[in-house]
PDB file of N, CA and C in Angstrom:
ATOM      1  N   MET A   1      33.465 -13.734  11.497  1.00  0.00           N
ATOM      2  CA  MET A   1      33.816 -12.662   9.876  1.00  0.00           C
ATOM      3  C   MET A   1      35.021 -12.591   9.749  1.00  0.00           C
ATOM      4  N   ASP A   2      34.847 -12.672   8.588  1.00  0.00           N
ATOM      5  CA  ASP A   2      36.086 -13.016   7.115  1.00  0.00           C
ATOM      6  C   ASP A   2      36.655 -11.800   7.338  1.00  0.00           C
ATOM      7  N   PHE A   3      37.160 -10.856   7.111  1.00  0.00           N
ATOM      8  CA  PHE A   3      37.728  -9.296   6.731  1.00  0.00           C
ATOM      9  C   PHE A   3      39.153  -9.438   6.935  1.00  0.00           C
ATOM     10  N   HIS A   4      38.871  -7.891   5.249  1.00  0.00           N
ATOM     11  CA  HIS A   4      40.848  -8.557   5.337  1.00  0.00           C
ATOM     12  C   HIS A   4      40.770  -6.488   4.790  1.00  0.00           C
ATOM     13  N   CYS A   5      41.425  -6.315   5.641  1.00  0.00           N
ATOM     14  CA  CYS A   5      41.187  -4.347   5.469  1.00  0.00           C
ATOM     15  C   CYS A   5      41.640  -4.099   4.446  1.00  0.00           C
ATOM     16  N   LEU A   6      41.447  -3.452   3.123  1.00  0.00           N
ATOM     17  CA  LEU A   6      42.202  -1.806   2.576  1.00  0.00           C
ATOM     18  C   LEU A   6      42.932  -1.391   2.203  1.00  0.00           C
ATOM     19  N   ARG A   7      42.789  -0.956   3.956  1.00  0.00           N
ATOM     20  CA  ARG A   7      43.054   0.541   4.043  1.00  0.00           C
ATOM     21  C   ARG A   7      42.381   1.339   2.882  1.00  0.00           C
ATOM     22  N   CYS A   8      41.103   1.548   3.271  1.00  0.00           N
ATOM     23  CA  CYS A   8      40.599   2.752   2.253  1.00  0.00           C
ATOM     24  C   CYS A   8      40.460   4.022   3.144  1.00  0.00           C
ATOM     25  N   GLY A   9      40.640   3.854   3.928  1.00  0.00           N
ATOM     26  CA  GLY A   9      40.126   5.364   4.814  1.00  0.00           C
ATOM     27  C   GLY A   9      38.636   5.622   5.256  1.00  0.00           C
ATOM     28  N   ASN A  10      38.181   4.831   4.936  1.00  0.00           N
ATOM     29  CA  ASN A  10      36.648   5.378   4.547  1.00  0.00           C
ATOM     30  C   ASN A  10      36.012   4.819   6.234  1.00  0.00           C
ATOM     31  N   CYS A  11      36.161   4.235   7.426  1.00  0.00           N
ATOM     32  CA  CYS A  11      36.297   4.335   8.122  1.00  0.00           C
ATOM     33  C   CYS A  11      36.811   5.545   9.351  1.00  0.00           C
ATOM     34  N   CYS A  12      38.222   5.661   8.444  1.00  0.00           N
ATOM     35  CA  CYS A  12      38.314   6.634   9.805  1.00  0.00           C
ATOM     36  C   CYS A  12      38.347   7.927   9.596  1.00  0.00           C
ATOM     37  N   ARG A  13      37.257   7.956   8.306  1.00  0.00           N
ATOM     38  CA  ARG A  13      35.852   9.265   7.627  1.00  0.00           C
ATOM     39  C   ARG A  13      35.620   9.493   8.495  1.00  0.00           C
ATOM     40  N   HIS A  14      34.918   8.289   9.853  1.00  0.00           N
ATOM     41  CA  HIS A  14      33.738   8.608  10.559  1.00  0.00           C
ATOM     42  C   HIS A  14      33.493   9.368  11.375  1.00  0.00           C
ATOM     43  N   GLU A  15      32.522   9.811  11.809  1.00  0.00           N
ATOM     44  CA  GLU A  15      32.417  10.867  12.500  1.00  0.00           C
ATOM     45  C   GLU A  15      32.816   9.801  13.950  1.00  0.00           C
ATOM     46  N   GLY A  16      32.946  10.940  15.235  1.00  0.00           N
ATOM     47  CA  GLY A  16      33.181   9.515  16.463  1.00  0.00           C
ATOM     48  C   GLY A  16      34.277   9.891  17.070  1.00  0.00           C
ATOM     49  N   GLU A  17      34.321   8.581  17.704  1.00  0.00           N
ATOM     50  CA  GLU A  17      34.989   9.158  18.681  1.00  0.00           C
ATOM     51  C   GLU A  17      35.961   8.097  18.961  1.00  0.00           C
ATOM     52  N   VAL A  18      37.452   8.656  19.338  1.00  0.00           N
ATOM     53  CA  VAL A  18      38.782   7.344  19.817  1.00  0.00           C
ATOM     54  C   VAL A  18      39.064   7.215  20.841  1.00  0.00           C
ATOM     55  N   ARG A  19      38.918   6.359  21.863  1.00  0.00           N
ATOM     56  CA  ARG A  19      39.079   6.298  23.193  1.00  0.00           C
ATOM     57  C   ARG A  19      40.935   5.876  23.293  1.00  0.00           C
ATOM     58  N   LEU A  20      41.047   6.549  23.806  1.00  0.00           N
ATOM     59  CA  LEU A  20      42.756   5.923  24.377  1.00  0.00           C
ATOM     60  C   LEU A  20      42.750   4.615  25.063  1.00  0.00           C
ATOM     61  N   LEU A  21      43.467   3.473  24.917  1.00  0.00           N
ATOM     62  CA  LEU A  21      43.218   2.755  26.301  1.00  0.00           C
ATOM     63  C   LEU A  21      44.632   3.066  27.598  1.00  0.00           C
ATOM     64  N   ASP A  22      44.863   3.021  28.322  1.00  0.00           N
ATOM     65  CA  ASP A  22      45.809   2.796  29.488  1.00  0.00           C
ATOM     66  C   ASP A  22      47.223   3.003  27.795  1.00  0.00           C
ATOM     67  N   GLY A  23      47.975   3.605  28.647  1.00  0.00           N
ATOM     68  CA  GLY A  23      49.460   3.461  27.820  1.00  0.00           C
ATOM     69  C   GLY A  23      50.178   3.880  25.731  1.00  0.00           C
ATOM     70  N   GLU A  24      48.259   3.806  25.278  1.00  0.00           N
ATOM     71  CA  GLU A  24      48.266   3.210  23.831  1.00  0.00           C
ATOM     72  C   GLU A  24      49.150   5.340  23.472  1.00  0.00           C
ATOM     73  N   ALA A  25      48.851   6.287  24.532  1.00  0.00           N
ATOM     74  CA  ALA A  25      48.861   8.143  24.254  1.00  0.00           C
ATOM     75  C   ALA A  25      50.129   7.611  24.277  1.00  0.00           C
ATOM     76  N   GLU A  26      51.294   7.435  25.708  1.00  0.00           N
ATOM     77  CA  GLU A  26      52.514   6.719  25.142  1.00  0.00           C
ATOM     78  C   GLU A  26      53.536   5.943  24.192  1.00  0.00           C
ATOM     79  N   SER A  27      52.057   4.744  23.348  1.00  0.00           N
ATOM     80  CA  SER A  27      53.278   4.306  22.558  1.00  0.00           C
ATOM     81  C   SER A  27      52.796   5.390  20.268  1.00  0.00           C
ATOM     82  N   ILE A  28      51.798   5.824  21.113  1.00  0.00           N
ATOM     83  CA  ILE A  28      51.483   6.534  19.568  1.00  0.00           C
ATOM     84  C   ILE A  28      52.073   7.642  19.553  1.00  0.00           C
ATOM     85  N   ALA A  29      52.978   8.406  21.209  1.00  0.00           N
ATOM     86  CA  ALA A  29      53.913  10.026  21.693  1.00  0.00           C
ATOM     87  C   ALA A  29      55.083   9.114  21.244  1.00  0.00           C
ATOM     88  N   GLN A  30      54.978   7.595  21.320  1.00  0.00           N
ATOM     89  CA  GLN A  30      56.615   7.175  21.059  1.00  0.00           C
ATOM     90  C   GLN A  30      57.345   6.998  19.446  1.00  0.00           C
ATOM     91  N   ALA A  31      56.106   6.727  18.514  1.00  0.00           N
ATOM     92  CA  ALA A  31      55.834   6.178  16.517  1.00  0.00           C
ATOM     93  C   ALA A  31      56.491   7.620  15.977  1.00  0.00           C
ATOM     94  N   LEU A  32      55.366   9.028  17.592  1.00  0.00           N
ATOM     95  CA  LEU A  32      56.148   9.625  16.555  1.00  0.00           C
ATOM     96  C   LEU A  32      56.707  10.674  17.405  1.00  0.00           C
ATOM     97  N   GLY A  33      57.458  10.248  17.548  1.00  0.00           N
ATOM     98  CA  GLY A  33      58.952  10.796  18.223  1.00  0.00           C
ATOM     99  C   GLY A  33      58.854  12.057  19.092  1.00  0.00           C
ATOM    100  N   MET A  34      57.985  11.869  19.902  1.00  0.00           N
ATOM    101  CA  MET A  34      57.231  12.477  20.540  1.00  0.00           C
ATOM    102  C   MET A  34      57.272  12.794  22.200  1.00  0.00           C
ATOM    103  N   GLU A  35      57.080  13.984  22.933  1.00  0.00           N
ATOM    104  CA  GLU A  35      57.458  13.502  24.634  1.00  0.00           C
ATOM    105  C   GLU A  35      55.689  13.104  24.845  1.00  0.00           C
ATOM    106  N   THR A  36      55.575  12.676  26.088  1.00  0.00           N
ATOM    107  CA  THR A  36      53.731  11.847  25.833  1.00  0.00           C
ATOM    108  C   THR A  36      52.846  13.274  26.355  1.00  0.00           C
ATOM    109  N   ALA A  37      53.532  14.034  26.817  1.00  0.00           N
ATOM    110  CA  ALA A  37      53.024  15.176  27.199  1.00  0.00           C
ATOM    111  C   ALA A  37      52.582  16.261  26.541  1.00  0.00           C
ATOM    112  N   ASP A  38      53.541  15.872  25.536  1.00  0.00           N
ATOM    113  CA  ASP A  38      53.629  16.740  23.763  1.00  0.00           C
ATOM    114  C   ASP A  38      51.856  16.667  22.715  1.00  0.00           C
ATOM    115  N   PHE A  39      52.382  14.890  23.013  1.00  0.00           N
ATOM    116  CA  PHE A  39      51.036  14.595  22.025  1.00  0.00           C
ATOM    117  C   PHE A  39      50.092  14.609  22.741  1.00  0.00           C
ATOM    118  N   THR A  40      50.022  14.655  23.955  1.00  0.00           N
ATOM    119  CA  THR A  40      48.244  14.724  24.524  1.00  0.00           C
ATOM    120  C   THR A  40      47.750  15.755  23.989  1.00  0.00           C
ATOM    121  N   ASP A  41      49.188  17.448  24.834  1.00  0.00           N
ATOM    122  CA  ASP A  41      48.484  19.004  24.561  1.00  0.00           C
ATOM    123  C   ASP A  41      48.069  18.878  23.143  1.00  0.00           C
ATOM    124  N   ARG A  42      48.942  17.747  21.883  1.00  0.00           N
ATOM    125  CA  ARG A  42      47.983  18.277  20.826  1.00  0.00           C
ATOM    126  C   ARG A  42      47.393  17.295  20.475  1.00  0.00           C
ATOM    127  N   PHE A  43      47.162  16.080  20.515  1.00  0.00           N
ATOM    128  CA  PHE A  43      46.226  15.322  19.654  1.00  0.00           C
ATOM    129  C   PHE A  43      45.400  14.846  20.623  1.00  0.00           C
ATOM    130  N   THR A  44      45.245  15.367  21.816  1.00  0.00           N
ATOM    131  CA  THR A  44      43.952  13.962  22.284  1.00  0.00           C
ATOM    132  C   THR A  44      43.051  15.583  23.578  1.00  0.00           C
ATOM    133  N   ARG A  45      42.084  14.926  23.728  1.00  0.00           N
ATOM    134  CA  ARG A  45      41.149  15.399  24.116  1.00  0.00           C
ATOM    135  C   ARG A  45      40.936  15.182  26.411  1.00  0.00           C
ATOM    136  N   LEU A  46      40.097  15.479  27.085  1.00  0.00           N
ATOM    137  CA  LEU A  46      39.416  14.880  27.923  1.00  0.00           C
ATOM    138  C   LEU A  46      37.924  14.305  27.542  1.00  0.00           C
ATOM    139  N   ARG A  47      37.918  13.366  27.626  1.00  0.00           N
ATOM    140  CA  ARG A  47      36.619  12.370  26.920  1.00  0.00           C
ATOM    141  C   ARG A  47      35.616  13.240  28.168  1.00  0.00           C
ATOM    142  N   GLU A  48      34.486  13.607  27.933  1.00  0.00           N
ATOM    143  CA  GLU A  48      32.949  13.988  28.302  1.00  0.00           C
ATOM    144  C   GLU A  48      32.872  13.490  29.826  1.00  0.00           C
ATOM    145  N   ASP A  49      33.595  12.649  30.228  1.00  0.00           N
ATOM    146  CA  ASP A  49      32.859  11.951  30.828  1.00  0.00           C
ATOM    147  C   ASP A  49      34.544  11.702  32.452  1.00  0.00           C
ATOM    148  N   ARG A  50      34.957  12.896  31.745  1.00  0.00           N
ATOM    149  CA  ARG A  50      36.933  12.875  32.271  1.00  0.00           C
ATOM    150  C   ARG A  50      37.295  11.587  32.796  1.00  0.00           C
ATOM    151  N   ARG A  51      37.133  10.865  31.893  1.00  0.00           N
ATOM    152  CA  ARG A  51      37.775   9.070  31.964  1.00  0.00           C
ATOM    153  C   ARG A  51      38.739   8.451  31.210  1.00  0.00           C
ATOM    154  N   GLY A  52      39.285   9.710  30.639  1.00  0.00           N
ATOM    155  CA  GLY A  52      40.464   9.209  30.162  1.00  0.00           C
ATOM    156  C   GLY A  52      40.635   9.466  28.550  1.00  0.00           C
ATOM    157  N   LEU A  53      41.407   9.731  27.349  1.00  0.00           N
ATOM    158  CA  LEU A  53      41.279  10.613  26.465  1.00  0.00           C
ATOM    159  C   LEU A  53      40.475  10.239  24.714  1.00  0.00           C
ATOM    160  N   LEU A  54      40.941  11.505  24.330  1.00  0.00           N
ATOM    161  CA  LEU A  54      40.100  10.977  22.951  1.00  0.00           C
ATOM    162  C   LEU A  54      40.936  11.598  21.702  1.00  0.00           C
ATOM    163  N   LEU A  55      41.315  11.123  21.048  1.00  0.00           N
ATOM    164  CA  LEU A  55      41.870  11.556  20.052  1.00  0.00           C
ATOM    165  C   LEU A  55      41.164  12.428  18.867  1.00  0.00           C
ATOM    166  N   VAL A  56      41.964  13.831  18.645  1.00  0.00           N
ATOM    167  CA  VAL A  56      41.080  15.226  18.576  1.00  0.00           C
ATOM    168  C   VAL A  56      41.066  14.556  16.977  1.00  0.00           C
ATOM    169  N   ASP A  57      40.149  15.179  15.964  1.00  0.00           N
ATOM    170  CA  ASP A  57      39.938  15.085  15.212  1.00  0.00           C
ATOM    171  C   ASP A  57      39.885  16.441  13.721  1.00  0.00           C
ATOM    172  N   HIS A  58      40.010  16.072  12.033  1.00  0.00           N
ATOM    173  CA  HIS A  58      40.048  17.390  12.052  1.00  0.00           C
ATOM    174  C   HIS A  58      38.435  17.768  12.131  1.00  0.00           C
ATOM    175  N   PRO A  59      38.295  18.797  11.657  1.00  0.00           N
ATOM    176  CA  PRO A  59      36.558  20.014  11.795  1.00  0.00           C
ATOM    177  C   PRO A  59      36.262  19.298  10.614  1.00  0.00           C
ATOM    178  N   ASP A  60      36.372  18.485  10.042  1.00  0.00           N
ATOM    179  CA  ASP A  60      35.377  17.610   9.155  1.00  0.00           C
ATOM    180  C   ASP A  60      35.137  16.162   9.509  1.00  0.00           C
ATOM    181  N   GLY A  61      35.576  15.971  10.778  1.00  0.00           N
ATOM    182  CA  GLY A  61      35.230  14.669  11.317  1.00  0.00           C
ATOM    183  C   GLY A  61      36.439  13.454  11.357  1.00  0.00           C
ATOM    184  N   SER A  62      36.836  13.771  10.354  1.00  0.00           N
ATOM    185  CA  SER A  62      38.183  12.479   9.998  1.00  0.00           C
ATOM    186  C   SER A  62      38.852  12.436  10.659  1.00  0.00           C
ATOM    187  N   CYS A  63      40.022  11.276  10.984  1.00  0.00           N
ATOM    188  CA  CYS A  63      40.422  10.930  12.543  1.00  0.00           C
ATOM    189  C   CYS A  63      42.617  12.197  11.867  1.00  0.00           C
ATOM    190  N   VAL A  64      42.464  12.763  12.992  1.00  0.00           N
ATOM    191  CA  VAL A  64      43.788  14.412  12.902  1.00  0.00           C
ATOM    192  C   VAL A  64      44.283  13.414  12.169  1.00  0.00           C
ATOM    193  N   PHE A  65      44.773  11.894  11.852  1.00  0.00           N
ATOM    194  CA  PHE A  65      46.353  10.657  12.008  1.00  0.00           C
ATOM    195  C   PHE A  65      46.075  10.277  10.364  1.00  0.00           C
ATOM    196  N   LEU A  66      44.586  10.501   9.674  1.00  0.00           N
ATOM    197  CA  LEU A  66      44.680  10.330   8.160  1.00  0.00           C
ATOM    198  C   LEU A  66      45.598  10.721   7.598  1.00  0.00           C
ATOM    199  N   GLU A  67      45.697  10.714   6.065  1.00  0.00           N
ATOM    200  CA  GLU A  67      46.676  12.036   5.204  1.00  0.00           C
ATOM    201  C   GLU A  67      47.002  10.941   3.759  1.00  0.00           C
ATOM    202  N   GLY A  68      47.072  11.650   3.367  1.00  0.00           N
ATOM    203  CA  GLY A  68      47.058  11.666   1.960  1.00  0.00           C
ATOM    204  C   GLY A  68      46.496  11.072   1.098  1.00  0.00           C
ATOM    205  N   THR A  69      47.143  11.295  -0.503  1.00  0.00           N
ATOM    206  CA  THR A  69      45.920  10.833  -0.781  1.00  0.00           C
ATOM    207  C   THR A  69      46.797   9.195  -1.929  1.00  0.00           C
ATOM    208  N   PRO A  70      47.058   8.280  -1.841  1.00  0.00           N
ATOM    209  CA  PRO A  70      45.495   7.397  -1.162  1.00  0.00           C
ATOM    210  C   PRO A  70      46.473   7.729   0.298  1.00  0.00           C
ATOM    211  N   PRO A  71      44.704   7.564   1.479  1.00  0.00           N
ATOM    212  CA  PRO A  71      44.837   7.549   2.437  1.00  0.00           C
ATOM    213  C   PRO A  71      45.280   6.994   3.705  1.00  0.00           C
ATOM    214  N   SER A  72      46.218   7.457   4.538  1.00  0.00           N
ATOM    215  CA  SER A  72      47.201   5.799   4.693  1.00  0.00           C
ATOM    216  C   SER A  72      47.109   6.943   6.676  1.00  0.00           C
ATOM    217  N   CYS A  73      47.349   6.191   7.142  1.00  0.00           N
ATOM    218  CA  CYS A  73      47.439   6.609   8.894  1.00  0.00           C
ATOM    219  C   CYS A  73      48.613   6.846   8.795  1.00  0.00           C
ATOM    220  N   ARG A  74      48.363   7.690   9.790  1.00  0.00           N
ATOM    221  CA  ARG A  74      50.217   7.932   9.892  1.00  0.00           C
ATOM    222  C   ARG A  74      50.964   7.155  11.596  1.00  0.00           C
ATOM    223  N   ILE A  75      49.655   6.533  12.183  1.00  0.00           N
ATOM    224  CA  ILE A  75      50.587   6.248  13.642  1.00  0.00           C
ATOM    225  C   ILE A  75      49.939   4.595  13.377  1.00  0.00           C
ATOM    226  N   GLN A  76      49.734   3.743  11.496  1.00  0.00           N
ATOM    227  CA  GLN A  76      49.208   3.192  11.834  1.00  0.00           C
ATOM    228  C   GLN A  76      50.232   1.793  12.755  1.00  0.00           C
ATOM    229  N   GLU A  77      50.929   1.628  12.962  1.00  0.00           N
ATOM    230  CA  GLU A  77      51.702   0.492  13.511  1.00  0.00           C
ATOM    231  C   GLU A  77      51.337   1.132  14.915  1.00  0.00           C
ATOM    232  N   ALA A  78      51.547   1.776  14.825  1.00  0.00           N
ATOM    233  CA  ALA A  78      50.667   2.534  16.704  1.00  0.00           C
ATOM    234  C   ALA A  78      48.686   3.178  17.289  1.00  0.00           C
ATOM    235  N   LYS A  79      47.743   2.651  15.971  1.00  0.00           N
ATOM    236  CA  LYS A  79      47.114   2.732  16.588  1.00  0.00           C
ATOM    237  C   LYS A  79      46.197   2.669  17.396  1.00  0.00           C
ATOM    238  N   PRO A  80      45.135   3.245  17.564  1.00  0.00           N
ATOM    239  CA  PRO A  80      44.812   2.677  18.891  1.00  0.00           C
ATOM    240  C   PRO A  80      43.638   1.296  18.707  1.00  0.00           C
ATOM    241  N   ARG A  81      44.295   0.807  20.134  1.00  0.00           N
ATOM    242  CA  ARG A  81      42.807  -0.952  19.812  1.00  0.00           C
ATOM    243  C   ARG A  81      42.089  -0.705  19.035  1.00  0.00           C
ATOM    244  N   GLN A  82      40.702   0.844  19.704  1.00  0.00           N
ATOM    245  CA  GLN A  82      39.467   0.196  19.406  1.00  0.00           C
ATOM    246  C   GLN A  82      39.596   0.652  17.223  1.00  0.00           C
ATOM    247  N   CYS A  83      40.815   1.782  17.268  1.00  0.00           N
ATOM    248  CA  CYS A  83      41.263   1.421  15.657  1.00  0.00           C
ATOM    249  C   CYS A  83      40.991   0.051  14.743  1.00  0.00           C
ATOM    250  N   ARG A  84      41.884  -1.096  15.391  1.00  0.00           N
ATOM    251  CA  ARG A  84      43.224  -2.048  15.205  1.00  0.00           C
ATOM    252  C   ARG A  84      41.771  -2.942  15.394  1.00  0.00           C
ATOM    253  N   ASP A  85      40.327  -2.844  16.401  1.00  0.00           N
ATOM    254  CA  ASP A  85      39.443  -4.055  16.153  1.00  0.00           C
ATOM    255  C   ASP A  85      38.079  -3.839  15.426  1.00  0.00           C
ATOM    256  N   PHE A  86      38.008  -2.633  14.105  1.00  0.00           N
ATOM    257  CA  PHE A  86      37.177  -2.122  13.310  1.00  0.00           C
ATOM    258  C   PHE A  86      37.358  -2.950  12.347  1.00  0.00           C
ATOM    259  N   PRO A  87      35.844  -4.236  11.718  1.00  0.00           N
ATOM    260  CA  PRO A  87      34.791  -4.323  12.577  1.00  0.00           C
ATOM    261  C   PRO A  87      34.954  -5.267  13.322  1.00  0.00           C
ATOM    262  N   ARG A  88      35.890  -5.925  13.296  1.00  0.00           N
ATOM    263  CA  ARG A  88      35.201  -7.143  14.357  1.00  0.00           C
ATOM    264  C   ARG A  88      34.586  -6.999  15.588  1.00  0.00           C
ATOM    265  N   GLY A  89      35.825  -6.663  16.447  1.00  0.00           N
ATOM    266  CA  GLY A  89      35.166  -5.478  17.604  1.00  0.00           C
ATOM    267  C   GLY A  89      34.327  -4.670  18.291  1.00  0.00           C
ATOM    268  N   TRP A  90      33.577  -3.621  16.810  1.00  0.00           N
ATOM    269  CA  TRP A  90      32.766  -2.856  16.990  1.00  0.00           C
ATOM    270  C   TRP A  90      32.522  -2.254  15.442  1.00  0.00           C
ATOM    271  N   ARG A  91      31.381  -1.630  15.737  1.00  0.00           N
ATOM    272  CA  ARG A  91      30.593  -0.270  14.716  1.00  0.00           C
ATOM    273  C   ARG A  91      29.632  -0.173  14.221  1.00  0.00           C
ATOM    274  N   TYR A  92      29.612   0.495  13.287  1.00  0.00           N
ATOM    275  CA  TYR A  92      28.533   1.515  13.797  1.00  0.00           C
ATOM    276  C   TYR A  92      27.303   1.329  11.799  1.00  0.00           C
ATOM    277  N   GLU A  93      26.254   1.636  12.213  1.00  0.00           N
ATOM    278  CA  GLU A  93      24.795   1.611  11.731  1.00  0.00           C
ATOM    279  C   GLU A  93      26.009   1.938  10.239  1.00  0.00           C
ATOM    280  N   ASP A  94      25.334   1.169   8.999  1.00  0.00           N
ATOM    281  CA  ASP A  94      25.374   0.846   7.980  1.00  0.00           C
ATOM    282  C   ASP A  94      27.746   1.298   7.512  1.00  0.00           C
ATOM    283  N   TRP A  95      28.540   0.562   8.356  1.00  0.00           N
ATOM    284  CA  TRP A  95      29.313   0.909   8.165  1.00  0.00           C
ATOM    285  C   TRP A  95      29.997  -0.247   6.718  1.00  0.00           C
ATOM    286  N   ASP A  96      29.094  -1.169   6.548  1.00  0.00           N
ATOM    287  CA  ASP A  96      29.103  -1.883   5.618  1.00  0.00           C
ATOM    288  C   ASP A  96      28.931  -0.848   4.338  1.00  0.00           C
ATOM    289  N   HIS A  97      28.482   0.165   4.317  1.00  0.00           N
ATOM    290  CA  HIS A  97      27.829   0.491   3.005  1.00  0.00           C
ATOM    291  C   HIS A  97      29.171   1.831   2.369  1.00  0.00           C
ATOM    292  N   ILE A  98      30.314   1.585   3.692  1.00  0.00           N
ATOM    293  CA  ILE A  98      31.739   2.526   2.969  1.00  0.00           C
ATOM    294  C   ILE A  98      32.214   1.650   2.942  1.00  0.00           C
ATOM    295  N   CYS A  99      32.785   0.991   3.800  1.00  0.00           N
ATOM    296  CA  CYS A  99      34.233  -0.024   3.732  1.00  0.00           C
ATOM    297  C   CYS A  99      34.347  -0.580   2.289  1.00  0.00           C
ATOM    298  N   ALA A 100      35.626  -0.562   1.564  1.00  0.00           N
ATOM    299  CA  ALA A 100      35.595  -0.857   0.319  1.00  0.00           C
ATOM    300  C   ALA A 100      36.040  -2.299   0.423  1.00  0.00           C
ATOM    301  N   ALA A 101      36.343  -2.742   1.738  1.00  0.00           N
ATOM    302  CA  ALA A 101      36.403  -4.419   2.026  1.00  0.00           C
ATOM    303  C   ALA A 101      34.650  -5.124   2.183  1.00  0.00           C
ATOM    304  N   ALA A 102      34.267  -4.523   2.661  1.00  0.00           N
ATOM    305  CA  ALA A 102      32.565  -5.181   2.876  1.00  0.00           C
ATOM    306  C   ALA A 102      31.527  -4.581   1.296  1.00  0.00           C
ATOM    307  N   THR A 103      32.067  -3.366   1.115  1.00  0.00           N
ATOM    308  CA  THR A 103      31.497  -3.430  -0.017  1.00  0.00           C
ATOM    309  C   THR A 103      31.406  -3.973  -1.578  1.00  0.00           C
ATOM    310  N   PRO A 104      31.513  -5.024  -1.953  1.00  0.00           N
ATOM    311  CA  PRO A 104      31.403  -4.894  -3.987  1.00  0.00           C
ATOM    312  C   PRO A 104      31.539  -3.984  -4.693  1.00  0.00           C
ATOM    313  N   PRO A 105      33.361  -4.639  -5.047  1.00  0.00           N
ATOM    314  CA  PRO A 105      33.101  -3.716  -5.812  1.00  0.00           C
ATOM    315  C   PRO A 105      32.223  -3.220  -6.978  1.00  0.00           C
ATOM    316  N   ALA A 106      31.474  -3.530  -8.022  1.00  0.00           N
ATOM    317  CA  ALA A 106      30.127  -2.430  -8.645  1.00  0.00           C
ATOM    318  C   ALA A 106      29.056  -1.890  -7.342  1.00  0.00           C
ATOM    319  N   LEU A 107      29.311  -2.105  -6.387  1.00  0.00           N
ATOM    320  CA  LEU A 107      28.040  -0.747  -5.922  1.00  0.00           C
ATOM    321  C   LEU A 107      29.106   0.661  -5.461  1.00  0.00           C
ATOM    322  N   ILE A 108      30.867   0.212  -5.173  1.00  0.00           N
ATOM    323  CA  ILE A 108      31.333   0.883  -4.846  1.00  0.00           C
ATOM    324  C   ILE A 108      31.334   2.011  -6.537  1.00  0.00           C
ATOM    325  N   GLN A 109      31.574   1.758  -6.866  1.00  0.00           N
ATOM    326  CA  GLN A 109      31.483   2.460  -8.123  1.00  0.00           C
ATOM    327  C   GLN A 109      30.662   2.995  -8.623  1.00  0.00           C
ATOM    328  N   LYS A 110      29.743   2.677  -8.903  1.00  0.00           N
ATOM    329  CA  LYS A 110      28.282   3.246  -9.218  1.00  0.00           C
ATOM    330  C   LYS A 110      28.094   4.388  -7.985  1.00  0.00           C
ATOM    331  N   GLU A 111      28.577   4.226  -6.775  1.00  0.00           N
ATOM    332  CA  GLU A 111      28.450   5.327  -5.983  1.00  0.00           C
ATOM    333  C   GLU A 111      29.094   6.486  -6.420  1.00  0.00           C
ATOM    334  N   LEU A 112      29.983   6.131  -6.722  1.00  0.00           N
ATOM    335  CA  LEU A 112      31.946   6.771  -6.984  1.00  0.00           C
ATOM    336  C   LEU A 112      31.150   8.085  -8.746  1.00  0.00           C
TER     337      LEU A 112
END
């Protein structure tokens, strides 16, 4: 799949879980200049199956690290593999209807 992310932030607004792999909490904490324990207390929660950590969301379901206008990932350089792999490694139904890199510009204009 030929895909070049435009960093529109739309995928980061989609409700869902962002699972952290081994070592990712430490990498993100370091990028934020925090101790790992402080990072996990503030920005993660235990997965329902209790087999790892998830990033917490804003109340609207968007990623806690999506901020600003235009939107920007606060942890771009240390973001989890799950985020880096989208949409090549995984995707959700109709992702291509909200992704600026996948949606023809004419369709985006009509929806706005």
